[in-house]
Amino acid sequence: LTGPATIARGDDLPMDGSQSFDPQGRIVRYEWTLDALPVVATTTPLFTFTAVAYPLEVGLHVVQLVVVDDSGNRSQPDTRSVDVLGDTTNPTAVLTAPSAIDEGTDLAVSGADSIDGGGTIVRYEWTLENFAVVATPTPSFTFPAATYPLGAGDHTVQLVVVDDSGNRSAPDERRVTVRPRADTVTLHLRVEGLGSLP
């Protein structure tokens, strides 16, 4: 039995039994076993455990092959260990935020356009100015104005995403301008000839 010693999670696992031999007969069946899963029998010496049918978690897995000849004789099992490696590709954070908001209003941001080619994003870490990081499992968050008061001017919001293998993205930042509240206008009315008004 031959096959790769390592594969990345999500990859197919091809195995090869073509070096098996029977000096006094002919091999007619190849019986493949992956971990404790049911045996798969083929008449050909090649078999691929597809990622769709056999999703393998990160860690060590064992493949076993037994061959049977045309007289019904069975070989001793041959085994190979395969190490399924976690995703090593960092995801990419893509932060969407408004360019400007009014002072005293909430700030809604989104990371829905973030991508991870080798896994799944499981955590979104949001940072606004010097406030503490907020982590969410979903790609949207709103900074309430009551909890995150922002004065007029430019402010920075940042997003880092983390995938299911623990890989972290580089931060993506956006600048948000907070517009000042409109000044209250005081109207003074002077009425000629009526004297002073209460």
N, C-alpha and C. Protein backbone atom coordinates (compact mmCIF):
# COMPACT_ATOMS: atom_id res chain seq x y z
N LEU A 1 0.85 -1.18 0.00
CA LEU A 1 0.00 0.00 0.00
C LEU A 1 0.89 1.24 0.00
N THR A 2 0.65 2.12 -0.95
CA THR A 2 1.38 3.39 -0.98
C THR A 2 0.37 4.52 -1.07
N GLY A 3 0.82 5.69 -0.61
CA GLY A 3 -0.03 6.87 -0.64
C GLY A 3 0.70 8.02 0.02
N PRO A 4 0.13 9.20 -0.02
CA PRO A 4 0.80 10.36 0.57
C PRO A 4 0.88 10.26 2.08
N ALA A 5 1.95 10.78 2.63
CA ALA A 5 2.11 10.80 4.08
C ALA A 5 1.33 11.94 4.71
N THR A 6 1.12 13.00 3.94
CA THR A 6 0.36 14.15 4.43
C THR A 6 -0.55 14.67 3.32
N ILE A 7 -1.69 15.20 3.72
CA ILE A 7 -2.57 15.93 2.81
C ILE A 7 -3.14 17.12 3.58
N ALA A 8 -3.60 18.10 2.86
CA ALA A 8 -4.27 19.24 3.49
C ALA A 8 -5.72 18.88 3.73
N ARG A 9 -6.28 19.40 4.78
CA ARG A 9 -7.70 19.15 5.05
C ARG A 9 -8.52 19.64 3.87
N GLY A 10 -9.46 18.81 3.44
CA GLY A 10 -10.29 19.15 2.30
C GLY A 10 -9.81 18.56 1.00
N ASP A 11 -8.60 17.95 1.00
CA ASP A 11 -8.08 17.31 -0.19
C ASP A 11 -8.53 15.86 -0.26
N ASP A 12 -8.57 15.32 -1.47
CA ASP A 12 -8.81 13.89 -1.65
C ASP A 12 -7.58 13.10 -1.20
N LEU A 13 -7.81 11.82 -0.86
CA LEU A 13 -6.72 10.95 -0.42
C LEU A 13 -6.60 9.77 -1.39
N PRO A 14 -5.65 9.84 -2.36
CA PRO A 14 -5.47 8.73 -3.30
C PRO A 14 -4.56 7.66 -2.71
N MET A 15 -4.95 6.39 -2.86
CA MET A 15 -4.14 5.28 -2.37
C MET A 15 -3.89 4.30 -3.52
N ASP A 16 -2.76 3.59 -3.41
CA ASP A 16 -2.30 2.74 -4.50
C ASP A 16 -1.87 1.38 -3.96
N GLY A 17 -2.50 0.33 -4.49
CA GLY A 17 -2.13 -1.02 -4.10
C GLY A 17 -1.51 -1.81 -5.23
N SER A 18 -1.00 -1.11 -6.25
CA SER A 18 -0.52 -1.78 -7.46
C SER A 18 0.77 -2.57 -7.25
N GLN A 19 1.46 -2.32 -6.14
CA GLN A 19 2.67 -3.10 -5.87
C GLN A 19 2.37 -4.42 -5.16
N SER A 20 1.11 -4.64 -4.85
CA SER A 20 0.72 -5.93 -4.27
C SER A 20 0.92 -7.03 -5.32
N PHE A 21 1.23 -8.25 -4.87
CA PHE A 21 1.45 -9.34 -5.83
C PHE A 21 1.06 -10.68 -5.23
N ASP A 22 0.82 -11.63 -6.09
CA ASP A 22 0.49 -13.00 -5.68
C ASP A 22 1.28 -13.95 -6.58
N PRO A 23 2.33 -14.61 -6.05
CA PRO A 23 3.21 -15.42 -6.90
C PRO A 23 2.54 -16.65 -7.51
N GLN A 24 1.44 -17.13 -6.93
CA GLN A 24 0.82 -18.35 -7.42
C GLN A 24 -0.61 -18.13 -7.91
N GLY A 25 -0.99 -16.92 -8.11
CA GLY A 25 -2.35 -16.67 -8.56
C GLY A 25 -2.50 -15.24 -9.05
N ARG A 26 -3.72 -14.75 -8.95
CA ARG A 26 -4.02 -13.41 -9.46
C ARG A 26 -4.88 -12.68 -8.44
N ILE A 27 -4.50 -11.46 -8.14
CA ILE A 27 -5.30 -10.65 -7.20
C ILE A 27 -6.57 -10.19 -7.90
N VAL A 28 -7.69 -10.45 -7.24
CA VAL A 28 -8.98 -10.10 -7.85
C VAL A 28 -9.76 -9.07 -7.04
N ARG A 29 -9.34 -8.81 -5.80
CA ARG A 29 -10.08 -7.84 -4.99
C ARG A 29 -9.13 -7.09 -4.06
N TYR A 30 -9.40 -5.79 -3.94
CA TYR A 30 -8.64 -4.90 -3.05
C TYR A 30 -9.62 -4.34 -2.03
N GLU A 31 -9.35 -4.56 -0.77
CA GLU A 31 -10.24 -4.13 0.30
C GLU A 31 -9.58 -3.00 1.10
N TRP A 32 -10.20 -1.83 1.01
CA TRP A 32 -9.64 -0.62 1.60
C TRP A 32 -10.42 -0.25 2.86
N THR A 33 -9.70 0.12 3.90
CA THR A 33 -10.35 0.57 5.13
C THR A 33 -9.69 1.87 5.58
N LEU A 34 -10.50 2.86 5.88
CA LEU A 34 -10.02 4.14 6.41
C LEU A 34 -10.52 4.28 7.84
N ASP A 35 -9.58 4.32 8.77
CA ASP A 35 -9.91 4.38 10.20
C ASP A 35 -10.88 3.24 10.53
N ALA A 36 -12.00 3.57 11.16
CA ALA A 36 -12.97 2.52 11.53
C ALA A 36 -14.18 2.51 10.60
N LEU A 37 -14.04 3.12 9.42
CA LEU A 37 -15.15 3.19 8.47
C LEU A 37 -15.33 1.84 7.78
N PRO A 38 -16.50 1.60 7.17
CA PRO A 38 -16.73 0.32 6.49
C PRO A 38 -15.72 0.08 5.37
N VAL A 39 -15.44 -1.20 5.12
CA VAL A 39 -14.52 -1.61 4.07
C VAL A 39 -15.10 -1.27 2.69
N VAL A 40 -14.21 -0.79 1.80
CA VAL A 40 -14.58 -0.55 0.41
C VAL A 40 -13.79 -1.53 -0.44
N ALA A 41 -14.50 -2.35 -1.28
CA ALA A 41 -13.83 -3.35 -2.12
C ALA A 41 -13.84 -2.89 -3.56
N THR A 42 -12.68 -3.03 -4.22
CA THR A 42 -12.57 -2.70 -5.64
C THR A 42 -11.85 -3.84 -6.36
N THR A 43 -11.98 -3.85 -7.68
CA THR A 43 -11.27 -4.85 -8.48
C THR A 43 -10.00 -4.26 -9.08
N THR A 44 -9.77 -3.00 -8.85
CA THR A 44 -8.58 -2.33 -9.38
C THR A 44 -7.70 -1.88 -8.22
N PRO A 45 -6.40 -1.70 -8.46
CA PRO A 45 -5.46 -1.42 -7.37
C PRO A 45 -5.37 0.05 -6.96
N LEU A 46 -6.22 0.88 -7.51
CA LEU A 46 -6.21 2.30 -7.15
C LEU A 46 -7.55 2.69 -6.56
N PHE A 47 -7.50 3.48 -5.49
CA PHE A 47 -8.74 3.97 -4.89
C PHE A 47 -8.47 5.32 -4.26
N THR A 48 -9.45 6.22 -4.40
CA THR A 48 -9.33 7.56 -3.82
C THR A 48 -10.46 7.79 -2.82
N PHE A 49 -10.08 8.09 -1.61
CA PHE A 49 -11.06 8.52 -0.60
C PHE A 49 -11.32 10.01 -0.85
N THR A 50 -12.46 10.31 -1.45
CA THR A 50 -12.74 11.69 -1.80
C THR A 50 -13.12 12.49 -0.56
N ALA A 51 -12.80 13.77 -0.60
CA ALA A 51 -13.09 14.64 0.54
C ALA A 51 -14.58 14.78 0.75
N VAL A 52 -15.36 14.67 -0.32
CA VAL A 52 -16.82 14.79 -0.20
C VAL A 52 -17.39 13.59 0.55
N ALA A 53 -16.96 12.39 0.17
CA ALA A 53 -17.49 11.18 0.81
C ALA A 53 -16.81 10.86 2.13
N TYR A 54 -15.54 11.29 2.26
CA TYR A 54 -14.76 10.97 3.45
C TYR A 54 -14.09 12.24 3.99
N PRO A 55 -14.87 13.16 4.57
CA PRO A 55 -14.26 14.39 5.10
C PRO A 55 -13.40 14.07 6.32
N LEU A 56 -12.13 14.39 6.23
CA LEU A 56 -11.19 14.04 7.28
C LEU A 56 -10.83 15.27 8.11
N GLU A 57 -10.91 15.11 9.42
CA GLU A 57 -10.50 16.19 10.31
C GLU A 57 -8.98 16.23 10.40
N VAL A 58 -8.48 17.35 10.86
CA VAL A 58 -7.04 17.50 11.05
C VAL A 58 -6.53 16.47 12.04
N GLY A 59 -5.41 15.83 11.71
CA GLY A 59 -4.83 14.82 12.59
C GLY A 59 -4.40 13.58 11.83
N LEU A 60 -4.04 12.55 12.58
CA LEU A 60 -3.51 11.32 12.00
C LEU A 60 -4.64 10.33 11.70
N HIS A 61 -4.59 9.74 10.50
CA HIS A 61 -5.58 8.74 10.07
C HIS A 61 -4.84 7.54 9.52
N VAL A 62 -5.48 6.36 9.57
CA VAL A 62 -4.85 5.11 9.15
C VAL A 62 -5.65 4.48 8.02
N VAL A 63 -4.95 4.14 6.93
CA VAL A 63 -5.55 3.43 5.80
C VAL A 63 -4.98 2.02 5.79
N GLN A 64 -5.86 1.06 5.55
CA GLN A 64 -5.44 -0.34 5.51
C GLN A 64 -5.87 -0.98 4.19
N LEU A 65 -5.03 -1.86 3.67
CA LEU A 65 -5.35 -2.61 2.45
C LEU A 65 -5.15 -4.10 2.68
N VAL A 66 -6.15 -4.87 2.30
CA VAL A 66 -6.06 -6.32 2.23
C VAL A 66 -6.39 -6.72 0.80
N VAL A 67 -5.58 -7.61 0.21
CA VAL A 67 -5.86 -8.09 -1.14
C VAL A 67 -6.26 -9.56 -1.10
N VAL A 68 -7.13 -9.93 -2.05
CA VAL A 68 -7.65 -11.28 -2.12
C VAL A 68 -7.37 -11.84 -3.51
N ASP A 69 -6.85 -13.09 -3.57
CA ASP A 69 -6.54 -13.64 -4.88
C ASP A 69 -7.69 -14.50 -5.41
N ASP A 70 -7.48 -15.06 -6.61
CA ASP A 70 -8.56 -15.80 -7.28
C ASP A 70 -8.83 -17.15 -6.65
N SER A 71 -8.08 -17.53 -5.63
CA SER A 71 -8.37 -18.75 -4.86
C SER A 71 -9.02 -18.42 -3.52
N GLY A 72 -9.28 -17.12 -3.28
CA GLY A 72 -9.89 -16.70 -2.02
C GLY A 72 -8.91 -16.49 -0.90
N ASN A 73 -7.63 -16.61 -1.18
CA ASN A 73 -6.63 -16.36 -0.15
C ASN A 73 -6.52 -14.85 0.13
N ARG A 74 -6.39 -14.54 1.41
CA ARG A 74 -6.35 -13.13 1.83
C ARG A 74 -4.96 -12.79 2.35
N SER A 75 -4.49 -11.62 2.01
CA SER A 75 -3.19 -11.16 2.49
C SER A 75 -3.30 -10.67 3.92
N GLN A 76 -2.15 -10.51 4.53
CA GLN A 76 -2.08 -9.75 5.78
C GLN A 76 -2.35 -8.28 5.44
N PRO A 77 -2.95 -7.53 6.34
CA PRO A 77 -3.20 -6.12 6.04
C PRO A 77 -1.90 -5.31 5.99
N ASP A 78 -1.86 -4.38 5.06
CA ASP A 78 -0.78 -3.40 5.03
C ASP A 78 -1.40 -2.06 5.37
N THR A 79 -0.73 -1.28 6.18
CA THR A 79 -1.31 -0.01 6.64
C THR A 79 -0.37 1.15 6.36
N ARG A 80 -0.96 2.30 6.21
CA ARG A 80 -0.21 3.55 6.07
C ARG A 80 -0.91 4.63 6.90
N SER A 81 -0.10 5.44 7.55
CA SER A 81 -0.63 6.58 8.30
C SER A 81 -0.59 7.83 7.43
N VAL A 82 -1.66 8.59 7.53
CA VAL A 82 -1.77 9.83 6.76
C VAL A 82 -2.07 10.96 7.72
N ASP A 83 -1.26 12.00 7.69
CA ASP A 83 -1.47 13.16 8.56
C ASP A 83 -2.22 14.24 7.78
N VAL A 84 -3.42 14.55 8.24
CA VAL A 84 -4.22 15.59 7.60
C VAL A 84 -3.86 16.92 8.25
N LEU A 85 -3.30 17.80 7.46
CA LEU A 85 -2.81 19.08 7.98
C LEU A 85 -3.91 20.12 7.92
N GLY A 86 -3.90 20.99 8.88
CA GLY A 86 -4.86 22.09 8.88
C GLY A 86 -4.55 23.09 7.78
N ASP A 87 -5.52 23.89 7.51
CA ASP A 87 -5.37 24.96 6.53
C ASP A 87 -4.27 25.92 6.99
N THR A 88 -3.36 26.25 6.10
CA THR A 88 -2.27 27.17 6.44
C THR A 88 -2.37 28.50 5.71
N THR A 89 -3.48 28.71 5.01
CA THR A 89 -3.67 29.95 4.26
C THR A 89 -4.43 30.96 5.10
N ASN A 90 -3.88 32.15 5.24
CA ASN A 90 -4.56 33.18 6.01
C ASN A 90 -5.76 33.72 5.25
N PRO A 91 -6.86 33.96 5.96
CA PRO A 91 -8.01 34.58 5.31
C PRO A 91 -7.74 36.04 5.01
N THR A 92 -8.64 36.67 4.28
CA THR A 92 -8.53 38.08 3.93
C THR A 92 -9.73 38.84 4.49
N ALA A 93 -9.46 39.82 5.33
CA ALA A 93 -10.53 40.65 5.89
C ALA A 93 -10.89 41.75 4.90
N VAL A 94 -12.18 41.93 4.69
CA VAL A 94 -12.68 43.02 3.85
C VAL A 94 -13.74 43.75 4.67
N LEU A 95 -13.43 44.96 5.06
CA LEU A 95 -14.30 45.73 5.94
C LEU A 95 -15.09 46.76 5.13
N THR A 96 -16.39 46.79 5.36
CA THR A 96 -17.25 47.81 4.75
C THR A 96 -17.80 48.69 5.87
N ALA A 97 -17.66 49.99 5.69
CA ALA A 97 -18.14 50.95 6.69
C ALA A 97 -18.53 52.23 5.98
N PRO A 98 -19.45 52.98 6.54
CA PRO A 98 -19.82 54.25 5.91
C PRO A 98 -18.65 55.24 5.99
N SER A 99 -18.56 56.10 5.00
CA SER A 99 -17.48 57.08 5.01
C SER A 99 -17.75 58.19 6.02
N ALA A 100 -19.02 58.42 6.34
CA ALA A 100 -19.37 59.48 7.28
C ALA A 100 -20.68 59.15 7.99
N ILE A 101 -20.78 59.56 9.26
CA ILE A 101 -22.02 59.44 10.02
C ILE A 101 -22.18 60.71 10.84
N ASP A 102 -23.40 60.95 11.32
CA ASP A 102 -23.64 62.11 12.16
C ASP A 102 -23.24 61.80 13.60
N GLU A 103 -22.78 62.80 14.29
CA GLU A 103 -22.42 62.63 15.69
C GLU A 103 -23.62 62.16 16.49
N GLY A 104 -23.39 61.15 17.34
CA GLY A 104 -24.47 60.63 18.17
C GLY A 104 -25.24 59.48 17.53
N THR A 105 -24.88 59.07 16.32
CA THR A 105 -25.56 57.94 15.67
C THR A 105 -24.71 56.68 15.75
N ASP A 106 -25.37 55.53 15.65
CA ASP A 106 -24.67 54.25 15.69
C ASP A 106 -23.83 54.06 14.43
N LEU A 107 -22.80 53.22 14.54
CA LEU A 107 -21.92 52.92 13.41
C LEU A 107 -22.06 51.45 13.05
N ALA A 108 -22.68 51.17 11.90
CA ALA A 108 -22.87 49.79 11.44
C ALA A 108 -21.76 49.43 10.45
N VAL A 109 -21.12 48.28 10.68
CA VAL A 109 -20.01 47.83 9.83
C VAL A 109 -20.27 46.39 9.39
N SER A 110 -19.59 45.97 8.33
CA SER A 110 -19.78 44.62 7.80
C SER A 110 -18.46 44.02 7.34
N GLY A 111 -18.32 42.72 7.55
CA GLY A 111 -17.18 41.97 7.04
C GLY A 111 -17.62 40.86 6.11
N ALA A 112 -18.82 41.00 5.53
CA ALA A 112 -19.41 39.93 4.72
C ALA A 112 -18.62 39.62 3.46
N ASP A 113 -17.81 40.56 3.00
CA ASP A 113 -17.02 40.33 1.78
C ASP A 113 -15.66 39.68 2.08
N SER A 114 -15.37 39.40 3.35
CA SER A 114 -14.13 38.73 3.72
C SER A 114 -14.12 37.32 3.13
N ILE A 115 -12.92 36.80 2.80
CA ILE A 115 -12.82 35.50 2.14
C ILE A 115 -11.75 34.64 2.81
N ASP A 116 -11.95 33.31 2.69
CA ASP A 116 -10.95 32.35 3.16
C ASP A 116 -10.93 31.20 2.17
N GLY A 117 -9.86 31.11 1.38
CA GLY A 117 -9.80 30.10 0.33
C GLY A 117 -9.63 28.69 0.83
N GLY A 118 -9.11 28.50 2.04
CA GLY A 118 -8.82 27.15 2.49
C GLY A 118 -9.66 26.67 3.66
N GLY A 119 -10.66 27.42 4.05
CA GLY A 119 -11.47 27.02 5.19
C GLY A 119 -12.69 27.90 5.33
N THR A 120 -13.09 28.11 6.57
CA THR A 120 -14.29 28.89 6.87
C THR A 120 -13.96 29.92 7.93
N ILE A 121 -14.41 31.14 7.72
CA ILE A 121 -14.23 32.19 8.73
C ILE A 121 -15.18 31.94 9.89
N VAL A 122 -14.64 31.90 11.09
CA VAL A 122 -15.46 31.61 12.27
C VAL A 122 -15.51 32.76 13.27
N ARG A 123 -14.65 33.76 13.11
CA ARG A 123 -14.66 34.87 14.07
C ARG A 123 -14.29 36.17 13.38
N TYR A 124 -15.01 37.21 13.76
CA TYR A 124 -14.77 38.57 13.25
C TYR A 124 -14.42 39.44 14.45
N GLU A 125 -13.23 40.06 14.39
CA GLU A 125 -12.76 40.87 15.51
C GLU A 125 -12.76 42.34 15.10
N TRP A 126 -13.58 43.12 15.77
CA TRP A 126 -13.79 44.53 15.43
C TRP A 126 -13.10 45.42 16.45
N THR A 127 -12.43 46.47 15.97
CA THR A 127 -11.79 47.44 16.85
C THR A 127 -12.15 48.84 16.38
N LEU A 128 -12.61 49.64 17.30
CA LEU A 128 -12.93 51.04 17.00
C LEU A 128 -12.08 51.92 17.90
N GLU A 129 -11.19 52.68 17.27
CA GLU A 129 -10.29 53.56 18.02
C GLU A 129 -9.57 52.78 19.11
N ASN A 130 -9.61 53.26 20.35
CA ASN A 130 -8.91 52.60 21.45
C ASN A 130 -9.84 51.77 22.33
N PHE A 131 -11.06 51.53 21.86
CA PHE A 131 -11.98 50.69 22.61
C PHE A 131 -11.53 49.23 22.53
N ALA A 132 -12.02 48.41 23.45
CA ALA A 132 -11.66 46.99 23.47
C ALA A 132 -12.17 46.28 22.22
N VAL A 133 -11.44 45.24 21.82
CA VAL A 133 -11.83 44.44 20.66
C VAL A 133 -13.15 43.73 20.96
N VAL A 134 -14.02 43.70 19.96
CA VAL A 134 -15.28 42.96 20.06
C VAL A 134 -15.24 41.82 19.05
N ALA A 135 -15.47 40.57 19.50
CA ALA A 135 -15.45 39.40 18.62
C ALA A 135 -16.86 38.88 18.41
N THR A 136 -17.22 38.61 17.17
CA THR A 136 -18.53 38.06 16.84
C THR A 136 -18.38 36.88 15.89
N PRO A 137 -19.35 35.94 15.90
CA PRO A 137 -19.31 34.84 14.95
C PRO A 137 -19.96 35.20 13.61
N THR A 138 -20.57 36.36 13.55
CA THR A 138 -21.28 36.80 12.35
C THR A 138 -20.57 37.99 11.72
N PRO A 139 -20.76 38.20 10.41
CA PRO A 139 -19.97 39.22 9.70
C PRO A 139 -20.52 40.64 9.76
N SER A 140 -21.34 40.95 10.75
CA SER A 140 -21.82 42.33 10.87
C SER A 140 -21.87 42.73 12.34
N PHE A 141 -21.68 44.01 12.57
CA PHE A 141 -21.71 44.51 13.94
C PHE A 141 -22.06 45.99 13.91
N THR A 142 -22.72 46.42 14.97
CA THR A 142 -23.06 47.84 15.12
C THR A 142 -22.48 48.36 16.42
N PHE A 143 -21.67 49.42 16.31
CA PHE A 143 -21.15 50.10 17.49
C PHE A 143 -22.21 51.11 17.95
N PRO A 144 -22.91 50.85 19.06
CA PRO A 144 -23.92 51.80 19.52
C PRO A 144 -23.25 53.09 20.00
N ALA A 145 -23.86 54.20 19.63
CA ALA A 145 -23.29 55.50 20.01
C ALA A 145 -23.23 55.67 21.53
N ALA A 146 -24.18 55.05 22.24
CA ALA A 146 -24.20 55.20 23.70
C ALA A 146 -23.00 54.52 24.35
N THR A 147 -22.54 53.42 23.75
CA THR A 147 -21.41 52.67 24.29
C THR A 147 -20.08 53.14 23.71
N TYR A 148 -20.13 53.60 22.47
CA TYR A 148 -18.93 54.03 21.76
C TYR A 148 -19.11 55.48 21.30
N PRO A 149 -19.05 56.42 22.23
CA PRO A 149 -19.25 57.82 21.85
C PRO A 149 -18.07 58.35 21.04
N LEU A 150 -18.38 58.89 19.88
CA LEU A 150 -17.33 59.43 19.01
C LEU A 150 -17.58 60.92 18.79
N GLY A 151 -16.56 61.71 19.04
CA GLY A 151 -16.66 63.13 18.79
C GLY A 151 -16.52 63.43 17.31
N ALA A 152 -16.82 64.66 16.95
CA ALA A 152 -16.69 65.07 15.55
C ALA A 152 -15.25 64.92 15.09
N GLY A 153 -15.07 64.44 13.85
CA GLY A 153 -13.74 64.25 13.30
C GLY A 153 -13.59 62.87 12.68
N ASP A 154 -12.36 62.52 12.36
CA ASP A 154 -12.07 61.23 11.72
C ASP A 154 -11.75 60.16 12.76
N HIS A 155 -12.29 58.96 12.52
CA HIS A 155 -12.07 57.84 13.43
C HIS A 155 -11.77 56.59 12.59
N THR A 156 -11.05 55.65 13.19
CA THR A 156 -10.63 54.44 12.47
C THR A 156 -11.30 53.21 13.06
N VAL A 157 -11.87 52.38 12.18
CA VAL A 157 -12.43 51.09 12.58
C VAL A 157 -11.63 50.01 11.85
N GLN A 158 -11.41 48.88 12.54
CA GLN A 158 -10.54 47.83 12.01
C GLN A 158 -11.23 46.48 12.14
N LEU A 159 -10.96 45.59 11.17
CA LEU A 159 -11.48 44.22 11.21
C LEU A 159 -10.35 43.22 10.97
N VAL A 160 -10.31 42.19 11.82
CA VAL A 160 -9.46 41.01 11.62
C VAL A 160 -10.37 39.79 11.63
N VAL A 161 -10.19 38.87 10.67
CA VAL A 161 -11.00 37.66 10.64
C VAL A 161 -10.12 36.45 10.94
N VAL A 162 -10.73 35.43 11.54
CA VAL A 162 -10.03 34.21 11.95
C VAL A 162 -10.78 33.02 11.37
N ASP A 163 -10.04 32.07 10.76
CA ASP A 163 -10.72 30.91 10.16
C ASP A 163 -10.73 29.72 11.12
N ASP A 164 -11.33 28.60 10.67
CA ASP A 164 -11.51 27.45 11.54
C ASP A 164 -10.23 26.66 11.79
N SER A 165 -9.12 27.09 11.20
CA SER A 165 -7.82 26.51 11.53
C SER A 165 -6.99 27.44 12.42
N GLY A 166 -7.59 28.56 12.80
CA GLY A 166 -6.90 29.51 13.66
C GLY A 166 -6.04 30.52 12.93
N ASN A 167 -6.08 30.50 11.59
CA ASN A 167 -5.31 31.48 10.82
C ASN A 167 -5.98 32.85 10.90
N ARG A 168 -5.16 33.89 11.05
CA ARG A 168 -5.67 35.25 11.21
C ARG A 168 -5.31 36.08 9.98
N SER A 169 -6.23 36.93 9.62
CA SER A 169 -5.98 37.83 8.49
C SER A 169 -5.16 39.04 8.94
N ALA A 170 -4.62 39.74 7.97
CA ALA A 170 -4.09 41.08 8.24
C ALA A 170 -5.29 42.00 8.50
N PRO A 171 -5.13 43.03 9.31
CA PRO A 171 -6.26 43.92 9.57
C PRO A 171 -6.64 44.74 8.35
N ASP A 172 -7.93 44.96 8.19
CA ASP A 172 -8.43 45.89 7.18
C ASP A 172 -9.03 47.08 7.93
N GLU A 173 -8.71 48.29 7.48
CA GLU A 173 -9.16 49.49 8.21
C GLU A 173 -9.97 50.40 7.30
N ARG A 174 -10.87 51.13 7.93
CA ARG A 174 -11.62 52.17 7.24
C ARG A 174 -11.66 53.40 8.13
N ARG A 175 -11.62 54.57 7.49
CA ARG A 175 -11.74 55.83 8.23
C ARG A 175 -13.17 56.32 8.10
N VAL A 176 -13.75 56.67 9.22
CA VAL A 176 -15.13 57.16 9.25
C VAL A 176 -15.11 58.59 9.81
N THR A 177 -15.71 59.51 9.08
CA THR A 177 -15.80 60.90 9.53
C THR A 177 -17.11 61.10 10.28
N VAL A 178 -17.01 61.61 11.49
CA VAL A 178 -18.19 61.92 12.29
C VAL A 178 -18.50 63.40 12.12
N ARG A 179 -19.66 63.67 11.56
CA ARG A 179 -20.07 65.06 11.34
C ARG A 179 -20.64 65.64 12.63
N PRO A 180 -20.29 66.91 12.96
CA PRO A 180 -20.81 67.50 14.19
C PRO A 180 -22.30 67.73 14.10
N ARG A 181 -22.95 67.74 15.26
CA ARG A 181 -24.38 68.06 15.31
C ARG A 181 -24.60 69.48 14.79
N ALA A 182 -25.73 69.70 14.15
CA ALA A 182 -26.07 71.06 13.71
C ALA A 182 -26.31 71.93 14.94
N ASP A 183 -25.73 73.15 14.92
CA ASP A 183 -25.92 74.06 16.06
C ASP A 183 -27.37 74.47 16.18
N THR A 184 -27.81 74.61 17.43
CA THR A 184 -29.16 75.11 17.67
C THR A 184 -29.18 76.60 17.36
N VAL A 185 -30.14 77.01 16.55
CA VAL A 185 -30.24 78.41 16.14
C VAL A 185 -31.21 79.14 17.06
N THR A 186 -30.75 80.23 17.69
CA THR A 186 -31.60 81.04 18.56
C THR A 186 -32.08 82.24 17.76
N LEU A 187 -33.39 82.42 17.70
CA LEU A 187 -33.99 83.48 16.90
C LEU A 187 -34.41 84.62 17.82
N HIS A 188 -33.91 85.84 17.57
CA HIS A 188 -34.28 87.01 18.34
C HIS A 188 -35.20 87.86 17.48
N LEU A 189 -36.35 88.18 18.03
CA LEU A 189 -37.35 88.94 17.27
C LEU A 189 -37.57 90.30 17.94
N ARG A 190 -37.45 91.35 17.15
CA ARG A 190 -37.69 92.69 17.66
C ARG A 190 -38.88 93.26 16.92
N VAL A 191 -39.86 93.66 17.68
CA VAL A 191 -41.08 94.19 17.07
C VAL A 191 -41.12 95.70 17.35
N GLU A 192 -41.06 96.48 16.27
CA GLU A 192 -41.04 97.94 16.43
C GLU A 192 -42.40 98.47 16.91
N GLY A 193 -42.36 99.39 17.89
CA GLY A 193 -43.55 100.11 18.32
C GLY A 193 -44.41 99.38 19.31
N LEU A 194 -44.04 98.13 19.68
CA LEU A 194 -44.90 97.38 20.63
C LEU A 194 -44.29 97.30 22.01
N GLY A 195 -43.17 97.96 22.18
CA GLY A 195 -42.54 97.90 23.48
C GLY A 195 -41.92 96.53 23.73
N SER A 196 -41.65 96.29 24.97
CA SER A 196 -41.04 95.01 25.30
C SER A 196 -42.06 93.92 25.39
N LEU A 197 -41.67 92.74 24.94
CA LEU A 197 -42.57 91.56 24.98
C LEU A 197 -42.17 90.69 26.15
N PRO A 198 -43.14 90.05 26.80
CA PRO A 198 -42.81 89.15 27.93
C PRO A 198 -42.02 87.95 27.42
